[in-house]
N, C-alpha and C. Protein backbone atom coordinates (compact mmCIF):
# COMPACT_ATOMS: atom_id res chain seq x y z
N MET A 1 0.89 -1.19 -0.06
CA MET A 1 -0.01 -0.03 -0.15
C MET A 1 0.89 1.20 0.07
N THR A 2 0.63 2.24 -0.78
CA THR A 2 1.38 3.46 -0.92
C THR A 2 0.55 4.56 -0.14
N HIS A 3 1.40 5.49 0.22
CA HIS A 3 0.55 6.66 0.82
C HIS A 3 0.14 7.58 -0.30
N SER A 4 -1.04 8.06 0.03
CA SER A 4 -1.85 8.79 -1.07
C SER A 4 -2.63 10.04 -0.40
N ILE A 5 -2.01 10.55 0.65
CA ILE A 5 -2.56 11.75 1.24
C ILE A 5 -2.09 12.99 0.38
N PRO A 6 -2.86 13.70 -0.01
CA PRO A 6 -2.42 14.87 -1.06
C PRO A 6 -1.57 15.79 -0.19
N ASP A 7 -0.55 16.20 -1.24
CA ASP A 7 0.39 17.42 -0.69
C ASP A 7 -0.05 18.63 -0.71
N SER A 8 0.68 19.62 -0.30
CA SER A 8 0.26 21.15 -0.20
C SER A 8 0.26 21.89 -1.44
N GLY A 9 0.63 21.21 -2.79
CA GLY A 9 0.79 21.77 -4.04
C GLY A 9 2.34 22.06 -4.12
N SER A 10 3.23 22.20 -3.25
CA SER A 10 4.49 22.50 -3.50
C SER A 10 5.33 21.09 -3.61
N GLY A 11 4.91 20.04 -3.45
CA GLY A 11 5.37 18.76 -3.43
C GLY A 11 5.72 18.17 -2.01
N TYR A 12 5.52 19.13 -1.02
CA TYR A 12 5.64 18.73 0.23
C TYR A 12 4.27 18.52 1.01
N LEU A 13 4.42 17.57 2.08
CA LEU A 13 3.09 17.23 2.87
C LEU A 13 2.68 18.48 3.74
N ALA A 14 3.81 19.06 4.34
CA ALA A 14 3.89 20.07 5.16
C ALA A 14 5.10 20.87 5.03
N GLU A 15 4.95 22.19 5.49
CA GLU A 15 6.31 23.06 5.28
C GLU A 15 6.38 23.83 6.42
N GLY A 16 7.70 24.14 6.74
CA GLY A 16 7.94 25.38 7.67
C GLY A 16 8.72 26.40 6.94
N LEU A 17 9.38 27.07 7.87
CA LEU A 17 10.32 28.18 7.30
C LEU A 17 11.38 27.78 6.51
N ARG A 18 12.00 26.70 6.99
CA ARG A 18 13.22 26.36 6.17
C ARG A 18 13.24 24.92 5.59
N VAL A 19 12.26 24.22 5.83
CA VAL A 19 12.22 22.66 5.42
C VAL A 19 10.73 22.25 5.06
N GLY A 20 10.70 21.37 4.50
CA GLY A 20 9.38 20.69 3.91
C GLY A 20 9.51 19.23 4.32
N ILE A 21 8.44 18.56 4.48
CA ILE A 21 8.62 16.97 4.67
C ILE A 21 7.88 16.45 3.27
N ARG A 22 8.40 15.28 2.90
CA ARG A 22 7.63 14.54 1.94
C ARG A 22 8.01 13.09 2.17
N HIS A 23 7.29 12.26 1.51
CA HIS A 23 7.36 10.83 1.76
C HIS A 23 8.72 10.34 1.12
N PHE A 24 9.32 9.27 1.44
CA PHE A 24 10.38 8.73 0.60
C PHE A 24 9.98 8.28 -0.81
N THR A 25 10.78 8.36 -1.70
CA THR A 25 10.55 7.67 -2.99
C THR A 25 11.61 6.84 -3.41
N ARG A 26 11.36 5.92 -4.30
CA ARG A 26 12.56 4.97 -4.68
C ARG A 26 13.48 5.71 -5.66
N GLU A 27 13.13 6.88 -6.11
CA GLU A 27 14.12 7.78 -6.79
C GLU A 27 15.21 8.48 -5.89
N ASP A 28 14.83 8.69 -4.76
CA ASP A 28 15.91 9.31 -3.75
C ASP A 28 17.10 8.50 -3.39
N GLY A 29 17.33 7.25 -3.89
CA GLY A 29 18.32 6.47 -3.42
C GLY A 29 19.82 7.04 -3.47
N ALA A 30 20.02 7.64 -4.70
CA ALA A 30 21.33 8.17 -4.96
C ALA A 30 21.65 9.19 -3.92
N GLU A 31 20.95 10.31 -3.75
CA GLU A 31 21.13 11.30 -2.86
C GLU A 31 21.13 10.79 -1.50
N PHE A 32 20.11 9.94 -0.98
CA PHE A 32 20.04 9.38 0.36
C PHE A 32 21.35 8.69 0.78
N THR A 33 21.68 7.77 -0.14
CA THR A 33 23.01 6.94 0.25
C THR A 33 24.12 7.61 0.33
N ALA A 34 24.33 8.69 -0.78
CA ALA A 34 25.45 9.61 -0.43
C ALA A 34 25.60 10.23 0.77
N ARG A 35 24.44 10.94 1.19
CA ARG A 35 24.52 11.55 2.32
C ARG A 35 24.69 10.68 3.70
N ALA A 36 24.12 9.40 3.64
CA ALA A 36 24.43 8.44 4.71
C ALA A 36 25.80 8.26 4.63
N ARG A 37 26.37 8.06 3.52
CA ARG A 37 28.03 7.72 3.65
C ARG A 37 28.74 8.91 4.29
N GLU A 38 28.19 10.13 3.80
CA GLU A 38 29.09 11.22 4.24
C GLU A 38 28.90 11.41 5.72
N SER A 39 27.82 10.80 6.24
CA SER A 39 27.28 11.08 7.78
C SER A 39 27.70 9.97 8.73
N LYS A 40 28.48 9.21 8.31
CA LYS A 40 28.86 7.72 9.03
C LYS A 40 29.53 8.24 10.52
N ARG A 41 30.27 9.20 10.41
CA ARG A 41 31.02 9.54 11.77
C ARG A 41 29.85 10.18 12.61
N LEU A 42 28.96 10.83 12.08
CA LEU A 42 27.93 11.59 12.93
C LEU A 42 26.86 10.47 13.43
N HIS A 43 26.61 9.39 12.86
CA HIS A 43 25.52 8.47 13.12
C HIS A 43 26.20 7.27 13.96
N HIS A 44 27.35 7.04 13.80
CA HIS A 44 28.01 5.91 14.62
C HIS A 44 28.18 6.39 16.17
N PRO A 45 27.72 5.44 17.09
CA PRO A 45 27.32 4.04 16.96
C PRO A 45 25.90 4.05 17.10
N TRP A 46 24.93 5.05 16.75
CA TRP A 46 23.57 5.12 17.07
C TRP A 46 22.73 4.53 15.97
N LEU A 47 23.12 4.87 14.77
CA LEU A 47 22.39 4.68 13.63
C LEU A 47 22.95 4.25 12.34
N PHE A 48 22.31 3.45 11.53
CA PHE A 48 23.04 2.72 10.52
C PHE A 48 22.05 2.75 9.22
N PRO A 49 21.77 3.98 8.61
CA PRO A 49 20.92 4.13 7.50
C PRO A 49 21.64 3.52 6.27
N PRO A 50 20.84 2.96 5.31
CA PRO A 50 21.46 2.25 4.19
C PRO A 50 22.57 3.16 3.38
N GLU A 51 23.48 2.63 2.82
CA GLU A 51 24.50 3.19 2.36
C GLU A 51 24.80 2.93 0.74
N THR A 52 24.15 1.90 0.39
CA THR A 52 24.07 1.42 -1.05
C THR A 52 22.75 1.47 -1.52
N GLU A 53 22.76 1.57 -2.88
CA GLU A 53 21.46 1.68 -3.75
C GLU A 53 20.45 0.40 -3.23
N GLU A 54 21.04 -0.59 -3.29
CA GLU A 54 20.38 -1.92 -2.98
C GLU A 54 19.77 -1.94 -1.70
N ALA A 55 20.65 -1.49 -0.56
CA ALA A 55 20.09 -1.46 0.70
C ALA A 55 18.98 -0.33 0.92
N TYR A 56 19.12 0.79 0.15
CA TYR A 56 18.03 1.83 0.14
C TYR A 56 16.91 1.35 -0.45
N ALA A 57 16.97 0.52 -1.59
CA ALA A 57 15.85 0.06 -2.31
C ALA A 57 14.79 -0.74 -1.21
N ALA A 58 15.63 -1.66 -0.54
CA ALA A 58 14.69 -2.58 0.35
C ALA A 58 14.09 -1.65 1.66
N TYR A 59 14.97 -0.62 2.00
CA TYR A 59 14.59 0.16 3.24
C TYR A 59 13.58 1.09 2.76
N ALA A 60 13.64 1.91 1.57
CA ALA A 60 12.34 2.71 1.27
C ALA A 60 11.30 1.93 0.75
N GLY A 61 11.58 0.87 0.11
CA GLY A 61 10.18 -0.22 -0.14
C GLY A 61 9.44 -0.37 0.95
N ALA A 62 10.01 -0.72 2.00
CA ALA A 62 9.21 -1.08 3.30
C ALA A 62 8.55 0.01 3.85
N LEU A 63 9.11 1.31 3.70
CA LEU A 63 8.46 2.51 4.20
C LEU A 63 7.26 2.87 3.37
N ILE A 64 7.46 2.54 1.94
CA ILE A 64 6.44 2.87 1.16
C ILE A 64 5.33 1.98 0.96
N ASP A 65 5.63 0.70 1.32
CA ASP A 65 4.61 -0.30 0.93
C ASP A 65 3.91 -0.93 2.14
N ASP A 66 4.49 -0.73 3.26
CA ASP A 66 3.97 -1.26 4.51
C ASP A 66 3.05 -0.23 5.30
N PRO A 67 1.86 -0.85 5.57
CA PRO A 67 0.96 0.41 6.06
C PRO A 67 1.26 0.61 7.62
N ALA A 68 2.10 -0.22 8.21
CA ALA A 68 2.51 -0.14 9.67
C ALA A 68 3.73 0.86 9.71
N ARG A 69 4.01 1.56 8.53
CA ARG A 69 5.30 2.26 8.65
C ARG A 69 4.95 3.46 7.58
N ALA A 70 5.73 4.56 8.08
CA ALA A 70 5.46 5.84 7.29
C ALA A 70 7.01 6.61 7.29
N GLY A 71 7.57 6.95 6.15
CA GLY A 71 8.85 7.39 6.10
C GLY A 71 8.65 8.94 5.39
N PHE A 72 9.42 9.95 6.09
CA PHE A 72 9.49 11.20 5.67
C PHE A 72 10.77 11.70 5.54
N LEU A 73 11.08 12.33 4.41
CA LEU A 73 12.35 13.05 4.24
C LEU A 73 12.24 14.59 4.54
N VAL A 74 13.28 15.01 5.27
CA VAL A 74 13.17 16.39 5.76
C VAL A 74 14.07 17.02 4.56
N CYS A 75 13.46 17.96 3.95
CA CYS A 75 14.18 18.63 2.78
C CYS A 75 14.32 20.08 3.00
N GLU A 76 15.52 20.64 2.64
CA GLU A 76 15.67 22.14 2.73
C GLU A 76 14.86 22.73 1.61
N LYS A 77 14.06 23.72 2.00
CA LYS A 77 13.13 24.33 0.96
C LYS A 77 14.10 25.13 -0.24
N ASP A 78 15.06 25.62 0.37
CA ASP A 78 16.14 26.30 -0.57
C ASP A 78 16.98 25.32 -1.20
N GLY A 79 16.45 24.66 -2.34
CA GLY A 79 17.28 23.96 -3.13
C GLY A 79 16.94 22.42 -3.12
N GLY A 80 16.16 22.01 -2.03
CA GLY A 80 15.53 20.53 -1.93
C GLY A 80 16.37 19.71 -1.45
N ALA A 81 17.54 20.08 -1.06
CA ALA A 81 18.58 18.89 -0.36
C ALA A 81 18.02 18.25 0.75
N ILE A 82 18.12 16.90 0.97
CA ILE A 82 17.67 15.93 2.04
C ILE A 82 18.58 16.35 3.16
N ALA A 83 18.00 16.84 4.20
CA ALA A 83 18.49 17.21 5.48
C ALA A 83 18.48 16.11 6.44
N GLY A 84 17.66 15.29 6.34
CA GLY A 84 17.48 14.16 7.30
C GLY A 84 16.17 13.31 7.02
N PHE A 85 15.91 12.51 7.91
CA PHE A 85 14.66 11.51 7.83
C PHE A 85 14.09 11.30 8.96
N ILE A 86 12.78 11.00 9.04
CA ILE A 86 12.11 10.74 10.24
C ILE A 86 11.15 9.67 9.78
N ASN A 87 11.03 8.58 10.30
CA ASN A 87 10.18 7.42 10.08
C ASN A 87 9.28 7.09 11.20
N ILE A 88 8.02 6.85 11.05
CA ILE A 88 7.11 6.52 11.94
C ILE A 88 6.85 4.87 11.77
N ASN A 89 7.44 4.08 12.68
CA ASN A 89 7.39 2.48 12.61
C ASN A 89 6.40 2.00 13.66
N ASN A 90 6.14 0.86 13.37
CA ASN A 90 5.20 0.13 14.29
C ASN A 90 3.96 0.76 14.57
N ILE A 91 3.27 1.22 13.51
CA ILE A 91 1.93 2.00 13.55
C ILE A 91 0.90 0.92 13.96
N VAL A 92 0.24 1.27 14.98
CA VAL A 92 -0.88 0.39 15.48
C VAL A 92 -2.02 1.18 15.52
N ARG A 93 -3.06 0.73 14.78
CA ARG A 93 -4.43 1.56 14.70
C ARG A 93 -5.29 1.02 15.83
N GLY A 94 -6.65 1.02 15.59
CA GLY A 94 -7.73 0.65 16.68
C GLY A 94 -7.75 1.67 17.85
N GLY A 95 -7.65 0.99 18.94
CA GLY A 95 -7.65 1.78 20.04
C GLY A 95 -6.53 2.50 20.65
N PHE A 96 -5.35 2.04 19.98
CA PHE A 96 -4.10 2.51 20.42
C PHE A 96 -3.66 3.68 19.42
N GLN A 97 -3.67 3.77 18.10
CA GLN A 97 -3.45 4.91 17.28
C GLN A 97 -1.91 5.49 17.64
N CYS A 98 -0.99 4.55 17.67
CA CYS A 98 0.41 4.90 18.01
C CYS A 98 1.44 4.54 17.09
N GLY A 99 2.44 5.19 17.03
CA GLY A 99 3.53 4.92 16.09
C GLY A 99 5.03 5.19 17.02
N ALA A 100 5.94 4.56 16.57
CA ALA A 100 7.28 4.74 17.02
C ALA A 100 8.26 5.66 16.27
N LEU A 101 8.70 6.56 16.50
CA LEU A 101 9.64 7.56 15.70
C LEU A 101 11.19 7.08 15.72
N GLY A 102 11.60 7.12 14.60
CA GLY A 102 13.02 6.86 14.30
C GLY A 102 13.61 8.07 13.54
N TYR A 103 14.73 8.52 13.75
CA TYR A 103 15.26 9.72 12.80
C TYR A 103 16.60 9.79 12.80
N GLY A 104 17.17 10.61 11.98
CA GLY A 104 18.52 11.05 11.64
C GLY A 104 18.83 12.18 10.92
N ALA A 105 19.65 12.90 11.37
CA ALA A 105 20.19 14.15 10.51
C ALA A 105 21.24 13.66 9.63
N PHE A 106 21.50 14.30 8.59
CA PHE A 106 22.67 14.30 7.78
C PHE A 106 23.83 15.36 8.12
N ALA A 107 24.96 14.90 8.02
CA ALA A 107 26.13 15.78 8.51
C ALA A 107 26.04 17.17 8.13
N HIS A 108 25.62 17.26 6.77
CA HIS A 108 25.63 18.98 6.15
C HIS A 108 24.66 19.70 6.86
N SER A 109 23.58 19.16 7.56
CA SER A 109 22.57 19.81 8.03
C SER A 109 22.47 19.70 9.71
N ALA A 110 23.28 19.07 10.26
CA ALA A 110 23.35 18.78 11.71
C ALA A 110 23.69 20.03 12.48
N GLY A 111 23.04 20.47 13.51
CA GLY A 111 23.19 21.51 14.44
C GLY A 111 22.52 22.81 13.81
N ARG A 112 21.83 22.62 12.84
CA ARG A 112 21.19 23.93 12.18
C ARG A 112 19.71 23.99 12.48
N GLY A 113 19.05 23.22 13.17
CA GLY A 113 17.72 23.31 13.71
C GLY A 113 16.74 22.72 12.65
N LEU A 114 17.28 22.14 11.57
CA LEU A 114 16.42 21.78 10.41
C LEU A 114 15.53 20.42 10.93
N MET A 115 16.20 19.67 11.55
CA MET A 115 15.64 18.37 12.17
C MET A 115 14.46 18.76 13.33
N ARG A 116 14.72 19.75 13.90
CA ARG A 116 13.77 20.20 14.94
C ARG A 116 12.48 20.65 14.41
N GLU A 117 12.77 21.49 13.21
CA GLU A 117 11.67 22.05 12.38
C GLU A 117 10.94 20.69 11.72
N GLY A 118 11.78 19.98 11.05
CA GLY A 118 11.13 18.75 10.34
C GLY A 118 10.31 17.83 11.40
N LEU A 119 10.76 17.64 12.58
CA LEU A 119 10.18 16.87 13.58
C LEU A 119 8.89 17.43 13.84
N ASP A 120 8.71 18.74 13.84
CA ASP A 120 7.55 19.46 14.34
C ASP A 120 6.41 19.26 13.20
N LEU A 121 6.95 19.32 12.00
CA LEU A 121 6.05 19.03 10.80
C LEU A 121 5.54 17.75 10.75
N VAL A 122 6.42 16.86 11.09
CA VAL A 122 5.80 15.19 11.19
C VAL A 122 5.06 14.84 12.24
N ILE A 123 5.25 15.55 13.43
CA ILE A 123 4.23 15.48 14.54
C ILE A 123 2.85 16.03 14.25
N GLY A 124 3.04 17.10 13.52
CA GLY A 124 1.60 17.93 13.25
C GLY A 124 0.93 16.88 12.18
N TYR A 125 1.58 16.35 11.22
CA TYR A 125 1.13 15.42 10.05
C TYR A 125 0.48 14.16 10.69
N ALA A 126 1.38 13.52 11.62
CA ALA A 126 1.09 12.33 12.42
C ALA A 126 -0.24 12.59 13.09
N PHE A 127 -0.38 13.65 13.98
CA PHE A 127 -1.42 13.79 14.59
C PHE A 127 -2.70 14.47 13.92
N GLY A 128 -2.47 14.95 12.69
CA GLY A 128 -3.44 15.58 11.65
C GLY A 128 -3.85 14.39 10.75
N PRO A 129 -3.43 14.54 9.48
CA PRO A 129 -3.87 13.69 8.48
C PRO A 129 -3.77 12.04 8.70
N MET A 130 -2.69 11.86 9.52
CA MET A 130 -2.62 10.28 9.75
C MET A 130 -3.42 9.74 10.71
N GLY A 131 -4.11 10.68 11.74
CA GLY A 131 -4.93 10.31 12.80
C GLY A 131 -4.28 9.52 13.93
N LEU A 132 -3.01 9.75 14.17
CA LEU A 132 -2.45 9.19 15.34
C LEU A 132 -2.74 9.93 16.72
N HIS A 133 -2.67 9.18 17.86
CA HIS A 133 -2.82 9.87 19.00
C HIS A 133 -1.59 9.88 19.69
N ARG A 134 -0.86 9.16 19.61
CA ARG A 134 0.56 9.00 20.45
C ARG A 134 1.67 8.64 19.52
N LEU A 135 2.95 9.41 19.89
CA LEU A 135 4.02 8.94 19.13
C LEU A 135 4.96 8.50 20.26
N GLU A 136 6.00 7.76 20.09
CA GLU A 136 6.93 7.31 20.95
C GLU A 136 8.42 7.46 20.43
N ILE A 137 9.48 7.69 21.16
CA ILE A 137 10.72 7.75 20.74
C ILE A 137 11.58 6.91 21.75
N ASN A 138 12.22 5.98 21.20
CA ASN A 138 13.27 5.33 22.06
C ASN A 138 14.54 5.55 21.61
N ALA A 139 15.49 6.16 22.63
CA ALA A 139 16.75 6.71 22.41
C ALA A 139 17.68 6.03 23.27
N GLN A 140 19.00 5.73 22.86
CA GLN A 140 19.97 5.26 23.67
C GLN A 140 20.37 6.25 24.74
N PRO A 141 20.64 6.03 25.90
CA PRO A 141 20.99 7.03 27.01
C PRO A 141 22.04 8.16 26.67
N GLY A 142 23.10 7.47 25.81
CA GLY A 142 24.21 8.34 25.46
C GLY A 142 24.20 9.17 24.02
N ASN A 143 22.88 8.95 23.41
CA ASN A 143 22.67 9.63 22.21
C ASN A 143 22.21 11.01 22.64
N THR A 144 23.06 11.99 23.14
CA THR A 144 22.47 13.25 23.63
C THR A 144 21.57 14.23 22.50
N ALA A 145 22.09 14.03 21.35
CA ALA A 145 21.38 14.70 20.29
C ALA A 145 20.01 14.34 20.02
N SER A 146 19.81 12.97 19.94
CA SER A 146 18.50 12.37 19.92
C SER A 146 17.75 12.69 20.90
N LEU A 147 18.17 12.60 22.18
CA LEU A 147 17.34 12.86 23.54
C LEU A 147 16.99 14.44 23.54
N ALA A 148 17.92 15.20 23.06
CA ALA A 148 17.68 16.74 22.92
C ALA A 148 16.45 17.10 22.02
N LEU A 149 16.40 16.27 20.96
CA LEU A 149 15.41 16.49 19.98
C LEU A 149 14.04 16.19 20.51
N ALA A 150 14.09 14.88 21.26
CA ALA A 150 12.79 14.47 21.83
C ALA A 150 12.22 15.50 22.86
N ARG A 151 13.30 15.91 23.67
CA ARG A 151 12.85 16.94 24.83
C ARG A 151 12.44 18.17 24.07
N GLY A 152 13.09 18.86 23.42
CA GLY A 152 12.87 20.06 22.68
C GLY A 152 11.51 20.01 21.76
N ALA A 153 10.91 18.87 21.37
CA ALA A 153 9.67 18.68 20.66
C ALA A 153 8.54 18.40 21.69
N GLY A 154 8.90 18.40 22.86
CA GLY A 154 7.85 18.25 23.77
C GLY A 154 7.51 16.84 24.28
N PHE A 155 8.40 15.89 24.07
CA PHE A 155 8.13 14.56 24.49
C PHE A 155 8.50 14.51 25.93
N ARG A 156 7.77 13.63 26.75
CA ARG A 156 8.26 13.41 28.15
C ARG A 156 8.94 11.97 28.31
N ARG A 157 9.73 11.99 29.28
CA ARG A 157 10.41 10.68 29.46
C ARG A 157 9.53 9.78 30.33
N GLU A 158 9.23 8.52 29.84
CA GLU A 158 8.18 7.59 30.50
C GLU A 158 8.99 6.61 31.01
N GLY A 159 10.38 6.40 30.80
CA GLY A 159 10.97 5.13 31.44
C GLY A 159 12.34 4.82 30.74
N PHE A 160 12.96 3.70 31.30
CA PHE A 160 14.13 3.15 30.86
C PHE A 160 13.94 1.64 30.59
N SER A 161 14.28 1.14 29.51
CA SER A 161 14.26 -0.19 29.19
C SER A 161 15.62 -0.73 29.01
N PRO A 162 16.08 -1.66 29.79
CA PRO A 162 17.41 -2.23 29.61
C PRO A 162 17.32 -3.20 28.38
N ALA A 163 18.51 -3.23 27.71
CA ALA A 163 18.55 -4.41 26.56
C ALA A 163 17.29 -4.34 25.63
N MET A 164 16.99 -3.20 25.28
CA MET A 164 15.50 -3.16 24.42
C MET A 164 15.74 -3.37 22.91
N ILE A 165 16.45 -3.07 22.41
CA ILE A 165 16.69 -3.06 20.93
C ILE A 165 18.04 -3.52 20.35
N TYR A 166 18.23 -4.40 19.55
CA TYR A 166 19.29 -4.95 19.16
C TYR A 166 19.97 -4.07 17.92
N ILE A 167 21.17 -3.59 18.21
CA ILE A 167 21.54 -2.77 17.36
C ILE A 167 23.22 -3.00 17.23
N ALA A 168 23.73 -2.98 16.04
CA ALA A 168 25.25 -3.17 15.92
C ALA A 168 25.81 -4.44 16.69
N GLY A 169 25.04 -5.60 16.80
CA GLY A 169 25.51 -6.65 17.32
C GLY A 169 25.46 -6.67 18.90
N ALA A 170 24.52 -6.02 19.40
CA ALA A 170 24.39 -6.05 20.83
C ALA A 170 22.98 -5.58 21.23
N TRP A 171 22.44 -5.87 22.45
CA TRP A 171 21.15 -5.40 22.75
C TRP A 171 21.36 -4.05 23.63
N ARG A 172 20.82 -3.07 23.15
CA ARG A 172 21.08 -1.69 23.80
C ARG A 172 20.01 -1.23 24.76
N ASP A 173 20.28 -0.59 25.59
CA ASP A 173 19.39 0.04 26.59
C ASP A 173 18.82 1.36 25.89
N HIS A 174 17.61 1.65 26.24
CA HIS A 174 16.96 2.87 25.70
C HIS A 174 16.25 3.52 26.65
N GLU A 175 16.12 4.85 26.55
CA GLU A 175 15.02 5.61 27.23
C GLU A 175 13.72 5.75 26.45
N ARG A 176 12.72 5.70 26.94
CA ARG A 176 11.32 5.73 26.19
C ARG A 176 10.79 7.19 26.53
N TRP A 177 10.43 7.83 25.44
CA TRP A 177 9.85 9.07 25.58
C TRP A 177 8.53 9.10 24.71
N ALA A 178 7.57 9.71 25.14
CA ALA A 178 6.26 9.80 24.46
C ALA A 178 5.69 11.37 24.35
N LEU A 179 4.75 11.60 23.31
CA LEU A 179 3.99 12.55 23.17
C LEU A 179 2.66 12.26 22.82
N THR A 180 1.54 12.85 23.16
CA THR A 180 0.04 12.62 22.69
C THR A 180 -0.41 13.76 22.23
N THR A 181 -1.52 13.64 21.44
CA THR A 181 -2.29 14.98 21.03
C THR A 181 -2.51 15.83 22.20
N GLU A 182 -3.01 15.43 23.16
CA GLU A 182 -3.27 16.26 24.42
C GLU A 182 -2.29 17.05 24.82
N MET A 183 -0.95 16.59 24.94
CA MET A 183 0.29 17.14 25.37
C MET A 183 0.55 18.14 24.26
N ARG A 184 0.31 18.10 23.13
CA ARG A 184 0.68 18.90 22.17
C ARG A 184 -0.21 20.12 22.09
N ALA A 185 -1.42 20.02 22.34
CA ALA A 185 -2.53 20.87 22.53
C ALA A 185 -2.08 21.96 23.75
């Protein structure tokens, strides 16, 4: 199933002052993987986005085709460069209406506030057109940039989960953060 919510006319699903968000496409592979390779030092040891066209095709395909996932590219409005990505994974409907966020900035955009603006747009989109009620972020305790982004977006820390997610060959501890539509209002 592909995402079919209409965009704003600009090609973006939502726009801020400096960035717009749009869904992943299969055609974004070359730029995405080049940015991922340039950002290895920034991402290590927290994140491992696809660095080859083949890996990107599988990654983006899952975000495009799986109704339990939604992938968003955060793009600079001036020129359209991909600044980062924000995915909503494990979307559960029914009485839960929840999804788990994962995200990463690319090195050229890190520290410029673009991901903060993009995250705000994704949250608005998730709570608006997507109809979600709750978003969760699970971040490793040492990943200060990720935790700062969660905190800055209004998420509250709900707990600590030892050995929660298997990353880079080991089970990693994570802090659990959440935001609901009521908290955002």
